[in-house]
C-alpha atoms as a PDB file:
ATOM      1  CA  MET A   1      72.433-217.374  48.029  1.00  0.00           C
ATOM      2  CA  GLN A   2      74.035-215.520  44.674  1.00  0.00           C
ATOM      3  CA  ALA A   3      72.116-212.636  43.134  1.00  0.00           C
ATOM      4  CA  PRO A   4      70.811-213.530  39.695  1.00  0.00           C
ATOM      5  CA  THR A   5      72.859-212.257  36.708  1.00  0.00           C
ATOM      6  CA  VAL A   6      71.401-209.119  35.075  1.00  0.00           C
ATOM      7  CA  ASP A   7      71.966-208.325  31.505  1.00  0.00           C
ATOM      8  CA  GLU A   8      72.414-204.544  31.574  1.00  0.00           C
ATOM      9  CA  LYS A   9      71.853-204.131  27.773  1.00  0.00           C
ATOM     10  CA  GLU A  10      68.506-206.118  28.033  1.00  0.00           C
ATOM     11  CA  VAL A  11      67.332-204.056  30.912  1.00  0.00           C
ATOM     12  CA  LEU A  12      68.090-200.879  28.991  1.00  0.00           C
ATOM     13  CA  ALA A  13      66.337-202.160  25.899  1.00  0.00           C
ATOM     14  CA  GLY A  14      63.284-202.766  28.201  1.00  0.00           C
ATOM     15  CA  PHE A  15      63.314-199.166  29.520  1.00  0.00           C
ATOM     16  CA  LYS A  16      63.454-197.733  26.103  1.00  0.00           C
ATOM     17  CA  ARG A  17      60.670-200.041  24.574  1.00  0.00           C
ATOM     18  CA  HIS A  18      58.374-199.271  27.530  1.00  0.00           C
ATOM     19  CA  ASP A  19      59.197-195.340  26.980  1.00  0.00           C
ATOM     20  CA  SER A  20      58.405-195.859  23.292  1.00  0.00           C
ATOM     21  CA  ASP A  21      55.164-197.741  24.162  1.00  0.00           C
ATOM     22  CA  ALA A  22      54.044-195.134  26.157  1.00  0.00           C
ATOM     23  CA  ALA A  23      54.570-192.354  23.900  1.00  0.00           C
ATOM     24  CA  TRP A  24      52.725-194.641  21.191  1.00  0.00           C
ATOM     25  CA  PHE A  25      49.985-194.881  23.685  1.00  0.00           C
ATOM     26  CA  LYS A  26      49.661-191.165  24.505  1.00  0.00           C
ATOM     27  CA  GLU A  27      49.544-190.244  20.690  1.00  0.00           C
ATOM     28  CA  ARG A  28      46.520-192.779  20.166  1.00  0.00           C
ATOM     29  CA  LYS A  29      44.749-192.460  23.400  1.00  0.00           C
ATOM     30  CA  ALA A  30      41.618-190.825  21.791  1.00  0.00           C
ATOM     31  CA  ALA A  31      41.323-193.233  19.094  1.00  0.00           C
ATOM     32  CA  LEU A  32      41.782-196.263  21.272  1.00  0.00           C
ATOM     33  CA  LEU A  33      39.138-195.073  23.616  1.00  0.00           C
ATOM     34  CA  THR A  34      36.598-195.489  20.889  1.00  0.00           C
ATOM     35  CA  GLN A  35      37.569-199.034  20.185  1.00  0.00           C
ATOM     36  CA  TYR A  36      38.794-200.349  23.636  1.00  0.00           C
ATOM     37  CA  ALA A  37      36.491-198.122  26.238  1.00  0.00           C
ATOM     38  CA  GLY A  38      36.587-199.834  29.289  1.00  0.00           C
ATOM     39  CA  GLN A  39      39.045-202.467  28.637  1.00  0.00           C
ATOM     40  CA  PHE A  40      42.603-203.113  29.493  1.00  0.00           C
ATOM     41  CA  ILE A  41      45.108-203.314  26.707  1.00  0.00           C
ATOM     42  CA  ALA A  42      48.735-204.743  26.624  1.00  0.00           C
ATOM     43  CA  ILE A  43      51.033-202.860  24.580  1.00  0.00           C
ATOM     44  CA  TYR A  44      54.407-204.315  23.296  1.00  0.00           C
ATOM     45  CA  ASP A  45      56.596-202.850  20.497  1.00  0.00           C
ATOM     46  CA  ARG A  46      54.122-200.067  19.793  1.00  0.00           C
ATOM     47  CA  ARG A  47      51.156-202.731  18.913  1.00  0.00           C
ATOM     48  CA  ILE A  48      48.459-203.910  20.983  1.00  0.00           C
ATOM     49  CA  VAL A  49      49.156-207.493  21.793  1.00  0.00           C
ATOM     50  CA  GLY A  50      46.490-208.276  24.328  1.00  0.00           C
ATOM     51  CA  VAL A  51      42.805-206.977  25.181  1.00  0.00           C
ATOM     52  CA  GLY A  52      40.415-207.936  27.785  1.00  0.00           C
ATOM     53  CA  GLU A  53      37.581-206.581  30.239  1.00  0.00           C
ATOM     54  CA  ALA A  54      39.696-207.532  33.234  1.00  0.00           C
ATOM     55  CA  LEU A  55      43.282-207.159  33.717  1.00  0.00           C
ATOM     56  CA  GLN A  56      44.076-211.058  33.510  1.00  0.00           C
ATOM     57  CA  ASP A  57      42.207-211.375  30.475  1.00  0.00           C
ATOM     58  CA  ALA A  58      44.653-208.801  28.867  1.00  0.00           C
ATOM     59  CA  LEU A  59      47.617-210.427  30.178  1.00  0.00           C
ATOM     60  CA  ARG A  60      46.482-214.055  29.228  1.00  0.00           C
ATOM     61  CA  SER A  61      45.762-212.568  25.601  1.00  0.00           C
ATOM     62  CA  ALA A  62      49.141-211.053  25.484  1.00  0.00           C
ATOM     63  CA  GLU A  63      50.612-214.603  26.700  1.00  0.00           C
ATOM     64  CA  ALA A  64      48.532-216.151  23.809  1.00  0.00           C
ATOM     65  CA  ALA A  65      50.131-214.066  21.432  1.00  0.00           C
ATOM     66  CA  GLY A  66      53.550-215.124  22.457  1.00  0.00           C
ATOM     67  CA  ILE A  67      54.432-212.228  24.532  1.00  0.00           C
ATOM     68  CA  ASP A  68      55.625-212.257  28.061  1.00  0.00           C
ATOM     69  CA  PRO A  69      53.185-210.093  29.442  1.00  0.00           C
ATOM     70  CA  ARG A  70      55.698-208.799  32.312  1.00  0.00           C
ATOM     71  CA  LYS A  71      57.145-206.994  29.488  1.00  0.00           C
ATOM     72  CA  CYS A  72      54.243-205.232  28.269  1.00  0.00           C
ATOM     73  CA  LEU A  73      52.989-201.783  28.970  1.00  0.00           C
ATOM     74  CA  ILE A  74      49.246-202.291  30.422  1.00  0.00           C
ATOM     75  CA  GLU A  75      47.027-199.342  30.240  1.00  0.00           C
ATOM     76  CA  LEU A  76      43.022-199.260  31.364  1.00  0.00           C
ATOM     77  CA  ILE A  77      41.111-197.387  28.582  1.00  0.00           C
ATOM     78  CA  ALA A  78      38.866-195.473  31.056  1.00  0.00           C
ATOM     79  CA  THR A  79      35.922-193.659  29.873  1.00  0.00           C
ATOM     80  CA  GLU A  80      36.214-191.135  32.820  1.00  0.00           C
ATOM     81  CA  ASP A  81      39.182-189.623  34.484  1.00  0.00           C
ATOM     82  CA  TRP A  82      40.721-191.994  36.880  1.00  0.00           C
ATOM     83  CA  ILE A  83      43.300-191.340  39.745  1.00  0.00           C
ATOM     84  CA  SER A  84      45.717-194.152  40.541  1.00  0.00           C
ATOM     85  CA  ILE A  85      47.205-194.484  43.771  1.00  0.00           C
ATOM     86  CA  LEU A  86      50.080-197.012  43.445  1.00  0.00           C
END
């Protein structure tokens, strides 16, 4: 079986967008807490494209907005400090 073709420019653009979206989120985290506390948000190109109380809801919301949720930065706007183990 042949490996799928990978577009290097597209992959690099995705990494850059992710870094940009993460910086955007970090800059606005306190403000987002007041509006989206306890919810998941999907961020794409430095804007919120999906929101939901459950992860699946945020992913569906992004998809309904015409954005591939696999390309989004997903954040939980936690009201307390959380530790994530991946």
